[in-house]
C-alpha atoms as a PDB file:
ATOM      1  CA  MET A   1      16.994-176.446-107.373  1.00  0.00           C
ATOM      2  CA  LEU A   2      19.345-176.661-110.314  1.00  0.00           C
ATOM      3  CA  ASP A   3      21.911-179.208-111.428  1.00  0.00           C
ATOM      4  CA  PHE A   4      24.787-177.653-109.491  1.00  0.00           C
ATOM      5  CA  LEU A   5      27.422-180.070-110.806  1.00  0.00           C
ATOM      6  CA  THR A   6      27.052-178.888-114.399  1.00  0.00           C
ATOM      7  CA  ALA A   7      25.078-175.618-114.332  1.00  0.00           C
ATOM      8  CA  PRO A   8      27.005-172.781-116.055  1.00  0.00           C
ATOM      9  CA  LYS A   9      27.411-169.180-114.896  1.00  0.00           C
ATOM     10  CA  LEU A  10      26.405-169.723-111.300  1.00  0.00           C
ATOM     11  CA  PRO A  11      25.927-166.758-108.927  1.00  0.00           C
ATOM     12  CA  ARG A  12      29.002-165.442-107.148  1.00  0.00           C
ATOM     13  CA  VAL A  13      27.206-164.856-103.815  1.00  0.00           C
ATOM     14  CA  SER A  14      26.083-167.665-101.552  1.00  0.00           C
ATOM     15  CA  LEU A  15      24.081-167.967 -98.351  1.00  0.00           C
ATOM     16  CA  SER A  16      24.005-170.770 -95.810  1.00  0.00           C
ATOM     17  CA  ILE A  17      21.269-171.128 -93.215  1.00  0.00           C
ATOM     18  CA  SER A  18      21.421-173.156 -90.031  1.00  0.00           C
ATOM     19  CA  GLU A  19      19.411-173.159 -86.834  1.00  0.00           C
ATOM     20  CA  THR A  20      22.030-170.961 -85.186  1.00  0.00           C
ATOM     21  CA  HIS A  21      23.690-168.840 -87.904  1.00  0.00           C
ATOM     22  CA  LEU A  22      23.432-167.146 -91.266  1.00  0.00           C
ATOM     23  CA  ALA A  23      26.530-166.820 -93.442  1.00  0.00           C
ATOM     24  CA  MET A  24      26.875-164.903 -96.694  1.00  0.00           C
ATOM     25  CA  VAL A  25      30.025-165.204 -98.782  1.00  0.00           C
ATOM     26  CA  GLU A  26      31.519-164.076-102.064  1.00  0.00           C
ATOM     27  CA  LEU A  27      34.929-165.497-102.983  1.00  0.00           C
ATOM     28  CA  ARG A  28      37.635-164.476-105.412  1.00  0.00           C
ATOM     29  CA  ALA A  29      40.638-166.281-106.807  1.00  0.00           C
ATOM     30  CA  ARG A  30      44.011-165.268-105.408  1.00  0.00           C
ATOM     31  CA  GLY A  31      47.004-167.090-106.823  1.00  0.00           C
ATOM     32  CA  LYS A  32      46.271-170.811-106.685  1.00  0.00           C
ATOM     33  CA  GLY A  33      43.784-170.424-103.850  1.00  0.00           C
ATOM     34  CA  LEU A  34      40.613-168.595-102.899  1.00  0.00           C
ATOM     35  CA  GLU A  35      39.908-165.849-100.428  1.00  0.00           C
ATOM     36  CA  ALA A  36      36.776-164.167 -99.120  1.00  0.00           C
ATOM     37  CA  ARG A  37      35.969-160.950-100.942  1.00  0.00           C
ATOM     38  CA  HIS A  38      32.816-160.464 -98.879  1.00  0.00           C
ATOM     39  CA  VAL A  39      31.817-162.417 -95.787  1.00  0.00           C
ATOM     40  CA  GLY A  40      29.153-161.932 -93.130  1.00  0.00           C
ATOM     41  CA  VAL A  41      28.193-164.293 -90.303  1.00  0.00           C
ATOM     42  CA  MET A  42      25.300-163.584 -87.940  1.00  0.00           C
ATOM     43  CA  SER A  43      24.071-165.515 -84.902  1.00  0.00           C
ATOM     44  CA  LEU A  44      20.328-166.185 -84.899  1.00  0.00           C
ATOM     45  CA  PRO A  45      17.948-166.066 -81.932  1.00  0.00           C
ATOM     46  CA  ALA A  46      16.954-169.438 -80.532  1.00  0.00           C
ATOM     47  CA  ASN A  47      14.071-171.104 -82.415  1.00  0.00           C
ATOM     48  CA  LEU A  48      13.908-168.504 -85.194  1.00  0.00           C
ATOM     49  CA  VAL A  49      14.914-171.307 -87.575  1.00  0.00           C
ATOM     50  CA  ARG A  50      13.782-174.804 -86.668  1.00  0.00           C
ATOM     51  CA  ALA A  51      15.063-177.345 -89.150  1.00  0.00           C
ATOM     52  CA  SER A  52      12.323-179.662 -90.370  1.00  0.00           C
ATOM     53  CA  PHE A  53      12.044-181.665 -93.553  1.00  0.00           C
ATOM     54  CA  THR A  54       8.252-181.562 -93.746  1.00  0.00           C
ATOM     55  CA  GLU A  55       7.194-178.301 -92.068  1.00  0.00           C
ATOM     56  CA  PRO A  56       8.025-174.601 -92.608  1.00  0.00           C
ATOM     57  CA  ASN A  57      11.281-173.706 -90.867  1.00  0.00           C
ATOM     58  CA  ILE A  58      10.951-170.015 -89.995  1.00  0.00           C
ATOM     59  CA  SER A  59       8.947-169.005 -86.918  1.00  0.00           C
ATOM     60  CA  SER A  60       8.969-165.255 -87.704  1.00  0.00           C
ATOM     61  CA  GLU A  61       9.470-164.315 -91.340  1.00  0.00           C
ATOM     62  CA  GLY A  62       9.809-160.603 -90.535  1.00  0.00           C
ATOM     63  CA  THR A  63      12.584-161.227 -88.013  1.00  0.00           C
ATOM     64  CA  PHE A  64      14.323-163.609 -90.401  1.00  0.00           C
ATOM     65  CA  ILE A  65      14.247-160.999 -93.167  1.00  0.00           C
ATOM     66  CA  ASP A  66      15.798-158.481 -90.787  1.00  0.00           C
ATOM     67  CA  PHE A  67      18.675-160.879 -90.045  1.00  0.00           C
ATOM     68  CA  LEU A  68      19.159-161.563 -93.753  1.00  0.00           C
ATOM     69  CA  SER A  69      19.485-157.824 -94.350  1.00  0.00           C
ATOM     70  CA  ARG A  70      21.926-157.441 -91.480  1.00  0.00           C
ATOM     71  CA  THR A  71      24.046-160.362 -92.740  1.00  0.00           C
ATOM     72  CA  ALA A  72      24.263-158.838 -96.226  1.00  0.00           C
ATOM     73  CA  GLU A  73      25.171-155.490 -94.688  1.00  0.00           C
ATOM     74  CA  GLN A  74      27.891-157.049 -92.555  1.00  0.00           C
ATOM     75  CA  ALA A  75      29.267-158.756 -95.676  1.00  0.00           C
ATOM     76  CA  GLY A  76      29.378-155.395 -97.459  1.00  0.00           C
ATOM     77  CA  LEU A  77      26.944-156.574-100.141  1.00  0.00           C
ATOM     78  CA  LYS A  78      24.751-153.575-100.892  1.00  0.00           C
ATOM     79  CA  ARG A  79      22.942-155.244-103.766  1.00  0.00           C
ATOM     80  CA  VAL A  80      22.185-158.941-104.045  1.00  0.00           C
ATOM     81  CA  HIS A  81      20.334-159.994-107.164  1.00  0.00           C
ATOM     82  CA  LYS A  82      20.998-163.712-107.436  1.00  0.00           C
ATOM     83  CA  LEU A  83      22.547-166.139-104.999  1.00  0.00           C
ATOM     84  CA  MET A  84      23.035-169.797-104.134  1.00  0.00           C
ATOM     85  CA  VAL A  85      21.503-171.111-100.915  1.00  0.00           C
ATOM     86  CA  ALA A  86      22.368-173.984 -98.580  1.00  0.00           C
ATOM     87  CA  LEU A  87      19.325-174.886 -96.490  1.00  0.00           C
ATOM     88  CA  PRO A  88      19.647-176.076 -92.871  1.00  0.00           C
ATOM     89  CA  GLU A  89      20.757-179.616 -92.193  1.00  0.00           C
ATOM     90  CA  ASN A  90      17.638-181.831 -91.956  1.00  0.00           C
ATOM     91  CA  SER A  91      15.587-179.298 -93.975  1.00  0.00           C
ATOM     92  CA  ALA A  92      16.922-180.524 -97.315  1.00  0.00           C
ATOM     93  CA  ARG A  93      18.050-184.098 -97.843  1.00  0.00           C
ATOM     94  CA  SER A  94      20.229-185.971-100.312  1.00  0.00           C
ATOM     95  CA  PHE A  95      21.295-189.543-100.982  1.00  0.00           C
ATOM     96  CA  VAL A  96      23.021-191.659-103.619  1.00  0.00           C
ATOM     97  CA  ALA A  97      20.468-193.799-105.448  1.00  0.00           C
ATOM     98  CA  THR A  98      21.797-197.026-106.957  1.00  0.00           C
ATOM     99  CA  LEU A  99      19.872-198.590-109.837  1.00  0.00           C
ATOM    100  CA  ASP A 100      20.511-202.180-110.856  1.00  0.00           C
ATOM    101  CA  ASN A 101      19.778-201.526-114.532  1.00  0.00           C
ATOM    102  CA  GLU A 102      19.943-198.685-117.013  1.00  0.00           C
ATOM    103  CA  PRO A 103      16.466-197.097-117.328  1.00  0.00           C
ATOM    104  CA  ALA A 104      14.953-197.626-120.775  1.00  0.00           C
ATOM    105  CA  SER A 105      13.547-194.084-120.970  1.00  0.00           C
ATOM    106  CA  ARG A 106      13.480-190.754-119.184  1.00  0.00           C
ATOM    107  CA  ALA A 107      10.015-191.551-117.869  1.00  0.00           C
ATOM    108  CA  GLU A 108      11.259-194.831-116.383  1.00  0.00           C
ATOM    109  CA  LEU A 109      14.209-193.018-114.811  1.00  0.00           C
ATOM    110  CA  HIS A 110      11.896-190.480-113.152  1.00  0.00           C
ATOM    111  CA  GLN A 111       9.697-193.280-111.839  1.00  0.00           C
ATOM    112  CA  MET A 112      12.698-195.095-110.373  1.00  0.00           C
ATOM    113  CA  ILE A 113      14.080-191.918-108.768  1.00  0.00           C
ATOM    114  CA  GLU A 114      10.681-191.107-107.270  1.00  0.00           C
ATOM    115  CA  TRP A 115      10.351-194.641-105.917  1.00  0.00           C
ATOM    116  CA  LYS A 116      13.817-194.445-104.343  1.00  0.00           C
ATOM    117  CA  ALA A 117      13.007-191.019-102.862  1.00  0.00           C
ATOM    118  CA  GLU A 118       9.759-192.220-101.316  1.00  0.00           C
ATOM    119  CA  ARG A 119      11.514-195.209 -99.743  1.00  0.00           C
ATOM    120  CA  ASN A 120      14.434-193.132 -98.435  1.00  0.00           C
ATOM    121  CA  LEU A 121      12.567-190.019 -97.319  1.00  0.00           C
ATOM    122  CA  GLY A 122       9.120-191.289 -96.365  1.00  0.00           C
ATOM    123  CA  CYS A 123       7.275-188.640 -98.415  1.00  0.00           C
ATOM    124  CA  LYS A 124       5.229-188.870-101.584  1.00  0.00           C
ATOM    125  CA  PRO A 125       7.087-187.541-104.648  1.00  0.00           C
ATOM    126  CA  ALA A 126       4.292-185.027-105.303  1.00  0.00           C
ATOM    127  CA  GLU A 127       5.182-183.363-101.986  1.00  0.00           C
ATOM    128  CA  LEU A 128       8.835-182.887-102.917  1.00  0.00           C
ATOM    129  CA  ARG A 129      11.032-180.879-105.245  1.00  0.00           C
ATOM    130  CA  LEU A 130      13.428-183.531-106.500  1.00  0.00           C
ATOM    131  CA  THR A 131      16.588-183.133-108.549  1.00  0.00           C
ATOM    132  CA  HIS A 132      18.984-185.821-109.684  1.00  0.00           C
ATOM    133  CA  GLN A 133      22.474-185.869-111.142  1.00  0.00           C
ATOM    134  CA  ARG A 134      24.010-188.908-112.761  1.00  0.00           C
ATOM    135  CA  LEU A 135      27.243-190.128-111.190  1.00  0.00           C
ATOM    136  CA  LYS A 136      29.857-192.558-112.426  1.00  0.00           C
ATOM    137  CA  ASN A 137      28.857-196.198-112.340  1.00  0.00           C
ATOM    138  CA  LEU A 138      30.178-198.270-109.435  1.00  0.00           C
ATOM    139  CA  ASP A 139      30.351-202.064-109.668  1.00  0.00           C
ATOM    140  CA  ARG A 140      28.457-201.881-112.976  1.00  0.00           C
ATOM    141  CA  LYS A 141      25.486-200.221-111.263  1.00  0.00           C
ATOM    142  CA  VAL A 142      23.909-196.918-112.249  1.00  0.00           C
ATOM    143  CA  ASN A 143      24.163-194.184-109.608  1.00  0.00           C
ATOM    144  CA  PHE A 144      22.457-190.834-109.149  1.00  0.00           C
ATOM    145  CA  LEU A 145      22.845-188.101-106.560  1.00  0.00           C
ATOM    146  CA  VAL A 146      19.296-187.203-105.503  1.00  0.00           C
ATOM    147  CA  SER A 147      18.426-184.034-103.569  1.00  0.00           C
ATOM    148  CA  ALA A 148      15.018-183.227-102.129  1.00  0.00           C
ATOM    149  CA  VAL A 149      13.207-180.346-100.466  1.00  0.00           C
ATOM    150  CA  HIS A 150       9.621-180.537 -99.246  1.00  0.00           C
ATOM    151  CA  LEU A 151       7.361-178.036-100.991  1.00  0.00           C
ATOM    152  CA  LYS A 152       6.161-176.644 -97.653  1.00  0.00           C
ATOM    153  CA  VAL A 153       9.750-175.826 -96.714  1.00  0.00           C
ATOM    154  CA  LEU A 154      10.751-174.467-100.114  1.00  0.00           C
ATOM    155  CA  GLU A 155       7.674-172.267-100.479  1.00  0.00           C
ATOM    156  CA  GLN A 156       8.390-170.412 -97.235  1.00  0.00           C
ATOM    157  CA  TYR A 157      12.011-169.767 -98.168  1.00  0.00           C
ATOM    158  CA  ASP A 158      10.945-168.673-101.662  1.00  0.00           C
ATOM    159  CA  LYS A 159       8.484-166.216-100.113  1.00  0.00           C
ATOM    160  CA  VAL A 160      11.193-164.697 -97.921  1.00  0.00           C
ATOM    161  CA  PHE A 161      13.682-164.394-100.789  1.00  0.00           C
ATOM    162  CA  ASP A 162      11.007-162.832-102.996  1.00  0.00           C
ATOM    163  CA  GLU A 163      10.423-160.170-100.357  1.00  0.00           C
ATOM    164  CA  MET A 164      14.168-159.518-100.288  1.00  0.00           C
ATOM    165  CA  GLY A 165      14.226-159.274-104.085  1.00  0.00           C
ATOM    166  CA  TRP A 166      16.716-162.156-104.262  1.00  0.00           C
ATOM    167  CA  LEU A 167      16.676-164.833-106.955  1.00  0.00           C
ATOM    168  CA  THR A 168      17.984-168.253-105.951  1.00  0.00           C
ATOM    169  CA  GLY A 169      20.067-169.857-108.685  1.00  0.00           C
ATOM    170  CA  VAL A 170      20.918-173.014-106.735  1.00  0.00           C
ATOM    171  CA  VAL A 171      19.339-174.465-103.590  1.00  0.00           C
ATOM    172  CA  MET A 172      20.901-177.510-101.963  1.00  0.00           C
ATOM    173  CA  PRO A 173      21.341-179.297 -98.632  1.00  0.00           C
ATOM    174  CA  HIS A 174      23.826-177.777 -96.204  1.00  0.00           C
ATOM    175  CA  HIS A 175      26.149-180.806 -96.293  1.00  0.00           C
ATOM    176  CA  LEU A 176      26.571-180.648-100.075  1.00  0.00           C
ATOM    177  CA  GLY A 177      27.769-177.081 -99.776  1.00  0.00           C
ATOM    178  CA  GLU A 178      30.351-178.193 -97.218  1.00  0.00           C
ATOM    179  CA  ALA A 179      31.351-181.244 -99.269  1.00  0.00           C
ATOM    180  CA  GLN A 180      32.025-179.005-102.262  1.00  0.00           C
ATOM    181  CA  TRP A 181      35.411-178.250-100.652  1.00  0.00           C
ATOM    182  CA  LEU A 182      36.358-181.862-101.374  1.00  0.00           C
ATOM    183  CA  MET A 183      34.591-182.228-104.720  1.00  0.00           C
ATOM    184  CA  ARG A 184      36.375-179.229-106.199  1.00  0.00           C
ATOM    185  CA  THR A 185      39.815-180.818-105.632  1.00  0.00           C
ATOM    186  CA  GLY A 186      39.051-183.812-107.849  1.00  0.00           C
ATOM    187  CA  LEU A 187      41.703-185.955-106.162  1.00  0.00           C
ATOM    188  CA  PRO A 188      41.766-189.610-107.254  1.00  0.00           C
ATOM    189  CA  GLU A 189      41.808-190.947-103.687  1.00  0.00           C
ATOM    190  CA  ASP A 190      38.625-190.974-101.638  1.00  0.00           C
ATOM    191  CA  GLN A 191      37.985-188.164 -99.156  1.00  0.00           C
ATOM    192  CA  ALA A 192      35.421-187.835 -96.360  1.00  0.00           C
ATOM    193  CA  MET A 193      33.501-184.900 -94.936  1.00  0.00           C
ATOM    194  CA  VAL A 194      31.694-185.128 -91.596  1.00  0.00           C
ATOM    195  CA  SER A 195      29.279-182.366 -90.609  1.00  0.00           C
ATOM    196  CA  VAL A 196      28.168-182.476 -86.981  1.00  0.00           C
ATOM    197  CA  ASN A 197      24.735-181.142 -86.023  1.00  0.00           C
ATOM    198  CA  SER A 198      22.469-181.131 -82.982  1.00  0.00           C
ATOM    199  CA  ASN A 199      20.686-184.312 -84.111  1.00  0.00           C
ATOM    200  CA  GLY A 200      23.731-186.346 -85.139  1.00  0.00           C
ATOM    201  CA  PHE A 201      26.008-185.965 -88.145  1.00  0.00           C
ATOM    202  CA  THR A 202      26.146-186.260 -91.928  1.00  0.00           C
ATOM    203  CA  VAL A 203      28.894-188.013 -93.889  1.00  0.00           C
ATOM    204  CA  VAL A 204      29.760-187.409 -97.539  1.00  0.00           C
ATOM    205  CA  ILE A 205      32.472-189.550 -99.149  1.00  0.00           C
ATOM    206  CA  VAL A 206      33.878-188.079-102.350  1.00  0.00           C
ATOM    207  CA  ARG A 207      35.713-189.794-105.192  1.00  0.00           C
ATOM    208  CA  GLY A 208      37.144-187.421-107.762  1.00  0.00           C
ATOM    209  CA  HIS A 209      34.587-184.672-108.272  1.00  0.00           C
ATOM    210  CA  GLU A 210      31.578-186.721-107.149  1.00  0.00           C
ATOM    211  CA  PRO A 211      30.055-188.144-103.971  1.00  0.00           C
ATOM    212  CA  ILE A 212      29.836-191.910-103.765  1.00  0.00           C
ATOM    213  CA  LEU A 213      28.057-191.981-100.401  1.00  0.00           C
ATOM    214  CA  VAL A 214      25.845-189.543 -98.514  1.00  0.00           C
ATOM    215  CA  ARG A 215      24.549-190.662 -95.143  1.00  0.00           C
ATOM    216  CA  GLU A 216      22.580-188.569 -92.653  1.00  0.00           C
ATOM    217  CA  ILE A 217      22.702-190.192 -89.217  1.00  0.00           C
ATOM    218  CA  VAL A 218      20.450-189.268 -86.299  1.00  0.00           C
ATOM    219  CA  CYS A 219      21.924-190.233 -82.943  1.00  0.00           C
ATOM    220  CA  ALA A 220      22.853-188.947 -79.488  1.00  0.00           C
ATOM    221  CA  PRO A 221      26.321-187.399 -79.048  1.00  0.00           C
ATOM    222  CA  GLU A 222      27.584-190.426 -77.118  1.00  0.00           C
ATOM    223  CA  GLU A 223      26.623-192.702 -80.040  1.00  0.00           C
ATOM    224  CA  ARG A 224      28.502-190.797 -82.756  1.00  0.00           C
ATOM    225  CA  GLU A 225      31.744-192.786 -82.574  1.00  0.00           C
ATOM    226  CA  ASP A 226      29.994-196.161 -82.829  1.00  0.00           C
ATOM    227  CA  GLU A 227      27.758-195.012 -85.681  1.00  0.00           C
ATOM    228  CA  PHE A 228      30.674-193.544 -87.621  1.00  0.00           C
ATOM    229  CA  TYR A 229      32.784-196.663 -87.029  1.00  0.00           C
ATOM    230  CA  ARG A 230      30.020-198.879 -88.462  1.00  0.00           C
ATOM    231  CA  LEU A 231      29.672-196.622 -91.486  1.00  0.00           C
ATOM    232  CA  MET A 232      33.411-196.710 -92.161  1.00  0.00           C
ATOM    233  CA  ILE A 233      33.396-200.518 -91.956  1.00  0.00           C
ATOM    234  CA  TYR A 234      30.565-200.520 -94.514  1.00  0.00           C
ATOM    235  CA  TYR A 235      32.626-198.218 -96.747  1.00  0.00           C
ATOM    236  CA  ARG A 236      35.722-200.420 -96.366  1.00  0.00           C
ATOM    237  CA  ASP A 237      33.858-203.594 -97.233  1.00  0.00           C
ATOM    238  CA  ARG A 238      31.480-202.323 -99.941  1.00  0.00           C
ATOM    239  CA  LEU A 239      32.726-199.108-101.546  1.00  0.00           C
ATOM    240  CA  GLN A 240      36.479-198.786-101.204  1.00  0.00           C
ATOM    241  CA  GLY A 241      37.205-200.627-104.452  1.00  0.00           C
ATOM    242  CA  GLY A 242      40.295-199.729-106.441  1.00  0.00           C
ATOM    243  CA  SER A 243      40.436-196.059-105.489  1.00  0.00           C
ATOM    244  CA  GLY A 244      43.219-194.564-103.439  1.00  0.00           C
ATOM    245  CA  PRO A 245      42.961-195.153 -99.678  1.00  0.00           C
ATOM    246  CA  LEU A 246      40.653-192.820 -97.789  1.00  0.00           C
ATOM    247  CA  SER A 247      42.866-190.780 -95.500  1.00  0.00           C
ATOM    248  CA  ARG A 248      41.778-187.140 -95.974  1.00  0.00           C
ATOM    249  CA  LEU A 249      39.068-186.065 -93.522  1.00  0.00           C
ATOM    250  CA  LEU A 250      37.241-182.748 -93.144  1.00  0.00           C
ATOM    251  CA  VAL A 251      35.176-182.444 -89.963  1.00  0.00           C
ATOM    252  CA  ILE A 252      32.831-179.479 -89.549  1.00  0.00           C
ATOM    253  CA  GLY A 253      32.638-179.377 -85.775  1.00  0.00           C
ATOM    254  CA  THR A 254      34.518-178.516 -82.608  1.00  0.00           C
ATOM    255  CA  ALA A 255      38.179-179.403 -82.064  1.00  0.00           C
ATOM    256  CA  GLU A 256      37.104-182.258 -79.792  1.00  0.00           C
ATOM    257  CA  GLU A 257      34.684-183.595 -82.426  1.00  0.00           C
ATOM    258  CA  GLN A 258      37.352-183.339 -85.110  1.00  0.00           C
ATOM    259  CA  ALA A 259      39.761-185.404 -83.008  1.00  0.00           C
ATOM    260  CA  SER A 260      37.077-187.981 -82.169  1.00  0.00           C
ATOM    261  CA  PHE A 261      36.047-188.630 -85.767  1.00  0.00           C
ATOM    262  CA  ARG A 262      39.668-188.768 -86.881  1.00  0.00           C
ATOM    263  CA  ARG A 263      40.502-191.403 -84.248  1.00  0.00           C
ATOM    264  CA  THR A 264      37.462-193.442 -85.260  1.00  0.00           C
ATOM    265  CA  LEU A 265      38.349-193.282 -88.956  1.00  0.00           C
ATOM    266  CA  GLU A 266      41.885-194.485 -88.226  1.00  0.00           C
ATOM    267  CA  ALA A 267      40.600-197.335 -86.059  1.00  0.00           C
ATOM    268  CA  ALA A 268      38.087-198.508 -88.673  1.00  0.00           C
ATOM    269  CA  LEU A 269      40.385-198.281 -91.707  1.00  0.00           C
ATOM    270  CA  GLU A 270      43.626-199.052 -89.852  1.00  0.00           C
ATOM    271  CA  ARG A 271      45.566-196.212 -91.428  1.00  0.00           C
ATOM    272  CA  HIS A 272      46.797-192.726 -90.620  1.00  0.00           C
ATOM    273  CA  SER A 273      44.461-189.875 -91.586  1.00  0.00           C
ATOM    274  CA  VAL A 274      45.040-186.276 -92.644  1.00  0.00           C
ATOM    275  CA  ALA A 275      42.893-183.640 -90.933  1.00  0.00           C
ATOM    276  CA  LEU A 276      41.839-181.028 -93.484  1.00  0.00           C
ATOM    277  CA  ASN A 277      41.429-177.315 -92.736  1.00  0.00           C
ATOM    278  CA  PRO A 278      40.733-174.176 -94.806  1.00  0.00           C
ATOM    279  CA  GLN A 279      44.400-173.650 -95.621  1.00  0.00           C
ATOM    280  CA  SER A 280      44.956-177.219 -96.838  1.00  0.00           C
ATOM    281  CA  LEU A 281      41.828-176.849 -98.994  1.00  0.00           C
ATOM    282  CA  GLY A 282      43.174-173.738-100.691  1.00  0.00           C
ATOM    283  CA  PHE A 283      41.012-171.269 -98.765  1.00  0.00           C
ATOM    284  CA  ASN A 284      42.996-168.289 -97.493  1.00  0.00           C
ATOM    285  CA  LEU A 285      40.870-167.570 -94.439  1.00  0.00           C
ATOM    286  CA  ASP A 286      41.759-165.652 -91.317  1.00  0.00           C
ATOM    287  CA  PRO A 287      42.328-168.287 -88.576  1.00  0.00           C
ATOM    288  CA  SER A 288      39.960-166.372 -86.289  1.00  0.00           C
ATOM    289  CA  ALA A 289      37.087-166.560 -88.811  1.00  0.00           C
ATOM    290  CA  PRO A 290      34.318-169.066 -87.917  1.00  0.00           C
ATOM    291  CA  PHE A 291      34.916-171.619 -90.689  1.00  0.00           C
ATOM    292  CA  ASN A 292      32.427-174.070 -89.141  1.00  0.00           C
ATOM    293  CA  HIS A 293      29.615-171.538 -89.615  1.00  0.00           C
ATOM    294  CA  LEU A 294      30.581-170.374 -93.104  1.00  0.00           C
ATOM    295  CA  ALA A 295      31.946-173.590 -94.649  1.00  0.00           C
ATOM    296  CA  ALA A 296      28.706-174.377 -96.508  1.00  0.00           C
ATOM    297  CA  ALA A 297      28.288-170.849 -97.891  1.00  0.00           C
ATOM    298  CA  ALA A 298      31.943-170.633 -98.896  1.00  0.00           C
ATOM    299  CA  GLY A 299      31.832-174.115-100.434  1.00  0.00           C
ATOM    300  CA  LEU A 300      28.843-173.080-102.520  1.00  0.00           C
ATOM    301  CA  ALA A 301      30.635-169.875-103.511  1.00  0.00           C
ATOM    302  CA  THR A 302      33.472-171.906-105.046  1.00  0.00           C
ATOM    303  CA  LEU A 303      31.028-172.941-107.773  1.00  0.00           C
ATOM    304  CA  GLY A 304      30.735-169.328-108.923  1.00  0.00           C
ATOM    305  CA  CYS A 305      34.468-168.633-109.059  1.00  0.00           C
END
């Protein structure tokens, strides 16, 4: 895992993995927007990928490799040397760590990040691959974006990519790939991304080019509205600050889920919201293309453009 916010010369090809789909994308600039130069999306057999933070994800590595090859072929990518990868939701985790004081040394910083990771993720730091990126201070507190992958999970994916002959330049959680669509705009007002999954949903709130909140919520479908409402009240009371009002919302989910989260946001913040889509984000994508399944891969690909 590399520092994706500042790493130079990132790969142009990206791959996103979920429990249900693979997506491989390469973008190119066209005018003021972006369009897909290569794109492939493949449905996966049930239980081939089982998202877990602490255990290997792939039930049949040979079958998974076959689907990787077929996805690259569908995308028209005959040779893939280096790529960025978004791991399945719940297989890689991230959070914003807030430190009360500036660490006195790099060693102290690492100790504080490891302590925060153990408290947030429930795993010993020695079991994890941790990366951290400093963010802007909020309320005079020091903030870092921390990402983590368990070594058991990462080692299996590394083995598969080695067999494919692919080098991974950046590996990150699925939701950070999706949230890149908001981070790349750099707008002064806050924006929110909601990514719905089978176990609940993940929220990333972006200010400028950086996330100020990342929250992964596990809940039943009927509890989503209440959980999201409570989170938006927390944001309103604790994080809103002097930034522009949060009104722009990107929901990675069905049309019904998009409408539900938008209504809840408006009720919690008492303001009209703007529903974002590929076109409003500067992505010239065929309306029939499955944006929900390729949003993370395409978001990652923006880093290489």
